[in-house]
PDB file of N, CA and C in Angstrom:
ATOM      1  N   MET A   1     -28.710   0.263   4.753  1.00  0.00           N
ATOM      2  CA  MET A   1     -29.306   1.577   4.639  1.00  0.00           C
ATOM      3  C   MET A   1     -29.282   1.995   3.166  1.00  0.00           C
ATOM      4  N   LYS A   2     -30.388   2.488   2.699  1.00  0.00           N
ATOM      5  CA  LYS A   2     -30.547   2.843   1.285  1.00  0.00           C
ATOM      6  C   LYS A   2     -29.575   3.944   0.849  1.00  0.00           C
ATOM      7  N   PHE A   3     -29.324   4.925   1.734  1.00  0.00           N
ATOM      8  CA  PHE A   3     -28.444   6.030   1.360  1.00  0.00           C
ATOM      9  C   PHE A   3     -27.032   5.529   1.081  1.00  0.00           C
ATOM     10  N   ALA A   4     -26.514   4.664   1.930  1.00  0.00           N
ATOM     11  CA  ALA A   4     -25.165   4.126   1.734  1.00  0.00           C
ATOM     12  C   ALA A   4     -25.103   3.278   0.465  1.00  0.00           C
ATOM     13  N   GLN A   5     -26.162   2.540   0.176  1.00  0.00           N
ATOM     14  CA  GLN A   5     -26.194   1.756  -1.059  1.00  0.00           C
ATOM     15  C   GLN A   5     -26.211   2.675  -2.275  1.00  0.00           C
ATOM     16  N   TRP A   6     -26.963   3.764  -2.188  1.00  0.00           N
ATOM     17  CA  TRP A   6     -27.018   4.711  -3.307  1.00  0.00           C
ATOM     18  C   TRP A   6     -25.664   5.392  -3.490  1.00  0.00           C
ATOM     19  N   MET A   7     -25.005   5.748  -2.395  1.00  0.00           N
ATOM     20  CA  MET A   7     -23.702   6.411  -2.501  1.00  0.00           C
ATOM     21  C   MET A   7     -22.654   5.479  -3.097  1.00  0.00           C
ATOM     22  N   SER A   8     -22.841   4.172  -2.959  1.00  0.00           N
ATOM     23  CA  SER A   8     -21.909   3.213  -3.544  1.00  0.00           C
ATOM     24  C   SER A   8     -22.215   2.928  -5.008  1.00  0.00           C
ATOM     25  N   SER A   9     -23.342   3.430  -5.505  1.00  0.00           N
ATOM     26  CA  SER A   9     -23.712   3.200  -6.903  1.00  0.00           C
ATOM     27  C   SER A   9     -23.007   4.199  -7.821  1.00  0.00           C
ATOM     28  N   SER A  10     -23.206   4.035  -9.107  1.00  0.00           N
ATOM     29  CA  SER A  10     -22.611   4.953 -10.086  1.00  0.00           C
ATOM     30  C   SER A  10     -23.142   6.367  -9.936  1.00  0.00           C
ATOM     31  N   MET A  11     -24.432   6.490  -9.637  1.00  0.00           N
ATOM     32  CA  MET A  11     -25.006   7.831  -9.460  1.00  0.00           C
ATOM     33  C   MET A  11     -24.443   8.502  -8.206  1.00  0.00           C
ATOM     34  N   GLY A  12     -24.251   7.732  -7.158  1.00  0.00           N
ATOM     35  CA  GLY A  12     -23.659   8.275  -5.946  1.00  0.00           C
ATOM     36  C   GLY A  12     -22.228   8.717  -6.175  1.00  0.00           C
ATOM     37  N   ARG A  13     -21.527   7.935  -6.980  1.00  0.00           N
ATOM     38  CA  ARG A  13     -20.148   8.295  -7.336  1.00  0.00           C
ATOM     39  C   ARG A  13     -20.131   9.622  -8.080  1.00  0.00           C
ATOM     40  N   GLY A  14     -21.021   9.781  -9.033  1.00  0.00           N
ATOM     41  CA  GLY A  14     -21.113  11.047  -9.764  1.00  0.00           C
ATOM     42  C   GLY A  14     -21.470  12.207  -8.852  1.00  0.00           C
ATOM     43  N   ALA A  15     -22.344  11.949  -7.893  1.00  0.00           N
ATOM     44  CA  ALA A  15     -22.727  12.999  -6.940  1.00  0.00           C
ATOM     45  C   ALA A  15     -21.538  13.410  -6.080  1.00  0.00           C
ATOM     46  N   ARG A  16     -20.706  12.451  -5.671  1.00  0.00           N
ATOM     47  CA  ARG A  16     -19.518  12.779  -4.869  1.00  0.00           C
ATOM     48  C   ARG A  16     -18.534  13.609  -5.684  1.00  0.00           C
ATOM     49  N   VAL A  17     -18.328  13.231  -6.932  1.00  0.00           N
ATOM     50  CA  VAL A  17     -17.414  13.989  -7.787  1.00  0.00           C
ATOM     51  C   VAL A  17     -17.947  15.403  -8.013  1.00  0.00           C
ATOM     52  N   LEU A  18     -19.233  15.513  -8.306  1.00  0.00           N
ATOM     53  CA  LEU A  18     -19.831  16.829  -8.540  1.00  0.00           C
ATOM     54  C   LEU A  18     -19.770  17.702  -7.291  1.00  0.00           C
ATOM     55  N   ALA A  19     -20.091  17.139  -6.136  1.00  0.00           N
ATOM     56  CA  ALA A  19     -20.038  17.903  -4.888  1.00  0.00           C
ATOM     57  C   ALA A  19     -18.612  18.371  -4.605  1.00  0.00           C
ATOM     58  N   GLY A  20     -17.643  17.500  -4.846  1.00  0.00           N
ATOM     59  CA  GLY A  20     -16.245  17.884  -4.641  1.00  0.00           C
ATOM     60  C   GLY A  20     -15.831  19.013  -5.559  1.00  0.00           C
ATOM     61  N   LEU A  21     -16.217  18.927  -6.823  1.00  0.00           N
ATOM     62  CA  LEU A  21     -15.885  19.994  -7.773  1.00  0.00           C
ATOM     63  C   LEU A  21     -16.513  21.325  -7.376  1.00  0.00           C
ATOM     64  N   VAL A  22     -17.771  21.260  -6.940  1.00  0.00           N
ATOM     65  CA  VAL A  22     -18.463  22.485  -6.526  1.00  0.00           C
ATOM     66  C   VAL A  22     -17.734  23.119  -5.339  1.00  0.00           C
ATOM     67  N   LEU A  23     -17.351  22.324  -4.354  1.00  0.00           N
ATOM     68  CA  LEU A  23     -16.658  22.859  -3.186  1.00  0.00           C
ATOM     69  C   LEU A  23     -15.294  23.442  -3.554  1.00  0.00           C
ATOM     70  N   VAL A  24     -14.569  22.772  -4.430  1.00  0.00           N
ATOM     71  CA  VAL A  24     -13.254  23.270  -4.835  1.00  0.00           C
ATOM     72  C   VAL A  24     -13.391  24.600  -5.569  1.00  0.00           C
ATOM     73  N   VAL A  25     -14.285  24.657  -6.537  1.00  0.00           N
ATOM     74  CA  VAL A  25     -14.462  25.888  -7.320  1.00  0.00           C
ATOM     75  C   VAL A  25     -14.982  27.019  -6.441  1.00  0.00           C
ATOM     76  N   TRP A  26     -15.931  26.715  -5.567  1.00  0.00           N
ATOM     77  CA  TRP A  26     -16.504  27.722  -4.681  1.00  0.00           C
ATOM     78  C   TRP A  26     -15.432  28.298  -3.753  1.00  0.00           C
ATOM     79  N   GLY A  27     -14.628  27.433  -3.166  1.00  0.00           N
ATOM     80  CA  GLY A  27     -13.567  27.896  -2.271  1.00  0.00           C
ATOM     81  C   GLY A  27     -12.543  28.748  -2.990  1.00  0.00           C
ATOM     82  N   LEU A  28     -12.173  28.356  -4.204  1.00  0.00           N
ATOM     83  CA  LEU A  28     -11.201  29.141  -4.968  1.00  0.00           C
ATOM     84  C   LEU A  28     -11.794  30.469  -5.430  1.00  0.00           C
ATOM     85  N   ALA A  29     -13.080  30.473  -5.761  1.00  0.00           N
ATOM     86  CA  ALA A  29     -13.723  31.709  -6.223  1.00  0.00           C
ATOM     87  C   ALA A  29     -13.832  32.739  -5.099  1.00  0.00           C
ATOM     88  N   LEU A  30     -14.092  32.275  -3.879  1.00  0.00           N
ATOM     89  CA  LEU A  30     -14.230  33.205  -2.755  1.00  0.00           C
ATOM     90  C   LEU A  30     -12.880  33.671  -2.225  1.00  0.00           C
ATOM     91  N   GLY A  31     -11.864  32.842  -2.387  1.00  0.00           N
ATOM     92  CA  GLY A  31     -10.508  33.211  -1.990  1.00  0.00           C
ATOM     93  C   GLY A  31     -10.353  33.383  -0.484  1.00  0.00           C
ATOM     94  N   GLY A  32      -9.223  33.903  -0.091  1.00  0.00           N
ATOM     95  CA  GLY A  32      -8.939  34.142   1.319  1.00  0.00           C
ATOM     96  C   GLY A  32      -8.975  32.857   2.137  1.00  0.00           C
ATOM     97  N   GLY A  33      -9.640  32.912   3.281  1.00  0.00           N
ATOM     98  CA  GLY A  33      -9.770  31.756   4.146  1.00  0.00           C
ATOM     99  C   GLY A  33     -10.668  30.682   3.569  1.00  0.00           C
ATOM    100  N   TRP A  34     -11.438  31.036   2.544  1.00  0.00           N
ATOM    101  CA  TRP A  34     -12.342  30.072   1.920  1.00  0.00           C
ATOM    102  C   TRP A  34     -11.601  29.025   1.102  1.00  0.00           C
ATOM    103  N   VAL A  35     -10.314  29.230   0.888  1.00  0.00           N
ATOM    104  CA  VAL A  35      -9.528  28.237   0.160  1.00  0.00           C
ATOM    105  C   VAL A  35      -9.532  26.911   0.923  1.00  0.00           C
ATOM    106  N   ALA A  36      -9.717  26.971   2.240  1.00  0.00           N
ATOM    107  CA  ALA A  36      -9.820  25.743   3.039  1.00  0.00           C
ATOM    108  C   ALA A  36     -11.001  24.897   2.573  1.00  0.00           C
ATOM    109  N   LEU A  37     -12.051  25.542   2.078  1.00  0.00           N
ATOM    110  CA  LEU A  37     -13.201  24.816   1.547  1.00  0.00           C
ATOM    111  C   LEU A  37     -12.784  23.984   0.329  1.00  0.00           C
ATOM    112  N   SER A  38     -11.857  24.507  -0.450  1.00  0.00           N
ATOM    113  CA  SER A  38     -11.345  23.758  -1.601  1.00  0.00           C
ATOM    114  C   SER A  38     -10.609  22.512  -1.153  1.00  0.00           C
ATOM    115  N   VAL A  39      -9.864  22.622  -0.071  1.00  0.00           N
ATOM    116  CA  VAL A  39      -9.135  21.464   0.450  1.00  0.00           C
ATOM    117  C   VAL A  39     -10.126  20.410   0.934  1.00  0.00           C
ATOM    118  N   VAL A  40     -11.188  20.840   1.614  1.00  0.00           N
ATOM    119  CA  VAL A  40     -12.231  19.916   2.069  1.00  0.00           C
ATOM    120  C   VAL A  40     -12.923  19.277   0.869  1.00  0.00           C
ATOM    121  N   GLY A  41     -13.112  20.033  -0.190  1.00  0.00           N
ATOM    122  CA  GLY A  41     -13.756  19.522  -1.394  1.00  0.00           C
ATOM    123  C   GLY A  41     -12.948  18.450  -2.102  1.00  0.00           C
ATOM    124  N   LEU A  42     -11.658  18.407  -1.839  1.00  0.00           N
ATOM    125  CA  LEU A  42     -10.830  17.379  -2.457  1.00  0.00           C
ATOM    126  C   LEU A  42     -11.178  15.980  -1.951  1.00  0.00           C
ATOM    127  N   VAL A  43     -11.694  15.885  -0.717  1.00  0.00           N
ATOM    128  CA  VAL A  43     -12.022  14.568  -0.144  1.00  0.00           C
ATOM    129  C   VAL A  43     -13.112  13.864  -0.955  1.00  0.00           C
ATOM    130  N   PRO A  44     -14.304  14.466  -1.157  1.00  0.00           N
ATOM    131  CA  PRO A  44     -15.309  13.756  -1.963  1.00  0.00           C
ATOM    132  C   PRO A  44     -14.904  13.636  -3.433  1.00  0.00           C
ATOM    133  N   LEU A  45     -14.142  14.595  -3.928  1.00  0.00           N
ATOM    134  CA  LEU A  45     -13.698  14.531  -5.318  1.00  0.00           C
ATOM    135  C   LEU A  45     -12.790  13.324  -5.540  1.00  0.00           C
ATOM    136  N   VAL A  46     -11.792  13.158  -4.705  1.00  0.00           N
ATOM    137  CA  VAL A  46     -10.857  12.040  -4.842  1.00  0.00           C
ATOM    138  C   VAL A  46     -11.557  10.717  -4.524  1.00  0.00           C
ATOM    139  N   ALA A  47     -12.427  10.720  -3.518  1.00  0.00           N
ATOM    140  CA  ALA A  47     -13.155   9.492  -3.173  1.00  0.00           C
ATOM    141  C   ALA A  47     -14.044   9.055  -4.331  1.00  0.00           C
ATOM    142  N   GLY A  48     -14.700   9.987  -4.979  1.00  0.00           N
ATOM    143  CA  GLY A  48     -15.535   9.653  -6.127  1.00  0.00           C
ATOM    144  C   GLY A  48     -14.718   9.149  -7.300  1.00  0.00           C
ATOM    145  N   MET A  49     -13.576   9.781  -7.534  1.00  0.00           N
ATOM    146  CA  MET A  49     -12.728   9.354  -8.640  1.00  0.00           C
ATOM    147  C   MET A  49     -12.122   7.977  -8.379  1.00  0.00           C
ATOM    148  N   ALA A  50     -11.877   7.656  -7.108  1.00  0.00           N
ATOM    149  CA  ALA A  50     -11.313   6.348  -6.751  1.00  0.00           C
ATOM    150  C   ALA A  50     -12.408   5.295  -6.568  1.00  0.00           C
ATOM    151  N   ASN A  51     -13.660   5.700  -6.697  1.00  0.00           N
ATOM    152  CA  ASN A  51     -14.814   4.818  -6.553  1.00  0.00           C
ATOM    153  C   ASN A  51     -14.884   4.166  -5.173  1.00  0.00           C
ATOM    154  N   VAL A  52     -14.668   4.981  -4.141  1.00  0.00           N
ATOM    155  CA  VAL A  52     -14.834   4.515  -2.765  1.00  0.00           C
ATOM    156  C   VAL A  52     -15.819   5.446  -2.062  1.00  0.00           C
ATOM    157  N   CYS A  53     -16.519   4.902  -1.101  1.00  0.00           N
ATOM    158  CA  CYS A  53     -17.435   5.690  -0.287  1.00  0.00           C
ATOM    159  C   CYS A  53     -16.933   5.595   1.147  1.00  0.00           C
ATOM    160  N   LEU A  54     -16.403   6.677   1.665  1.00  0.00           N
ATOM    161  CA  LEU A  54     -15.768   6.665   2.973  1.00  0.00           C
ATOM    162  C   LEU A  54     -16.751   6.439   4.118  1.00  0.00           C
ATOM    163  N   LEU A  55     -18.020   6.729   3.914  1.00  0.00           N
ATOM    164  CA  LEU A  55     -19.017   6.542   4.968  1.00  0.00           C
ATOM    165  C   LEU A  55     -19.661   5.158   4.940  1.00  0.00           C
ATOM    166  N   ALA A  56     -19.491   4.422   3.869  1.00  0.00           N
ATOM    167  CA  ALA A  56     -20.156   3.125   3.717  1.00  0.00           C
ATOM    168  C   ALA A  56     -19.835   2.126   4.831  1.00  0.00           C
ATOM    169  N   PRO A  57     -18.579   2.007   5.288  1.00  0.00           N
ATOM    170  CA  PRO A  57     -18.318   1.040   6.369  1.00  0.00           C
ATOM    171  C   PRO A  57     -19.091   1.335   7.656  1.00  0.00           C
ATOM    172  N   LEU A  58     -19.456   2.575   7.873  1.00  0.00           N
ATOM    173  CA  LEU A  58     -20.262   2.907   9.050  1.00  0.00           C
ATOM    174  C   LEU A  58     -21.653   2.285   8.976  1.00  0.00           C
ATOM    175  N   PHE A  59     -22.110   1.995   7.764  1.00  0.00           N
ATOM    176  CA  PHE A  59     -23.433   1.413   7.546  1.00  0.00           C
ATOM    177  C   PHE A  59     -23.327  -0.049   7.096  1.00  0.00           C
ATOM    178  N   HIS A  60     -22.181  -0.673   7.381  1.00  0.00           N
ATOM    179  CA  HIS A  60     -21.943  -2.079   7.058  1.00  0.00           C
ATOM    180  C   HIS A  60     -22.061  -2.359   5.555  1.00  0.00           C
ATOM    181  N   GLN A  61     -21.569  -1.425   4.753  1.00  0.00           N
ATOM    182  CA  GLN A  61     -21.514  -1.572   3.314  1.00  0.00           C
ATOM    183  C   GLN A  61     -20.051  -1.642   2.894  1.00  0.00           C
ATOM    184  N   PRO A  62     -19.745  -2.180   1.718  1.00  0.00           N
ATOM    185  CA  PRO A  62     -18.348  -2.241   1.278  1.00  0.00           C
ATOM    186  C   PRO A  62     -17.784  -0.858   0.972  1.00  0.00           C
ATOM    187  N   LEU A  63     -16.500  -0.673   1.255  1.00  0.00           N
ATOM    188  CA  LEU A  63     -15.835   0.592   0.996  1.00  0.00           C
ATOM    189  C   LEU A  63     -15.782   0.887  -0.493  1.00  0.00           C
ATOM    190  N   LYS A  64     -15.505  -0.121  -1.277  1.00  0.00           N
ATOM    191  CA  LYS A  64     -15.397   0.038  -2.733  1.00  0.00           C
ATOM    192  C   LYS A  64     -16.803   0.096  -3.328  1.00  0.00           C
ATOM    193  N   GLY A  65     -17.005   1.015  -4.261  1.00  0.00           N
ATOM    194  CA  GLY A  65     -18.301   1.170  -4.889  1.00  0.00           C
ATOM    195  C   GLY A  65     -18.589   0.072  -5.896  1.00  0.00           C
ATOM    196  N   ALA A  66     -19.775   0.133  -6.468  1.00  0.00           N
ATOM    197  CA  ALA A  66     -20.195  -0.840  -7.481  1.00  0.00           C
ATOM    198  C   ALA A  66     -19.318  -0.690  -8.710  1.00  0.00           C
ATOM    199  N   PRO A  67     -19.038  -1.795  -9.401  1.00  0.00           N
ATOM    200  CA  PRO A  67     -18.240  -1.698 -10.632  1.00  0.00           C
ATOM    201  C   PRO A  67     -18.947  -0.836 -11.677  1.00  0.00           C
ATOM    202  N   ARG A  68     -18.153  -0.212 -12.523  1.00  0.00           N
ATOM    203  CA  ARG A  68     -18.711   0.681 -13.535  1.00  0.00           C
ATOM    204  C   ARG A  68     -19.380  -0.067 -14.620  1.00  0.00           C
TER     205      ARG A  68
END
């Protein structure tokens, strides 16, 4: 599947990191119960930083992303 291949690429990695950062900042900015959104945002942020795509095995792609 093209989407899983793209998510395993360098651009997909950057998109995961950016999405995670947006969720973390958004959750912290809204405060209150929205802080849970920041916790959820840590998943794509850490996955992007570790260069893994957690959804890739569902599409028969390698968990580890493409080398930098």
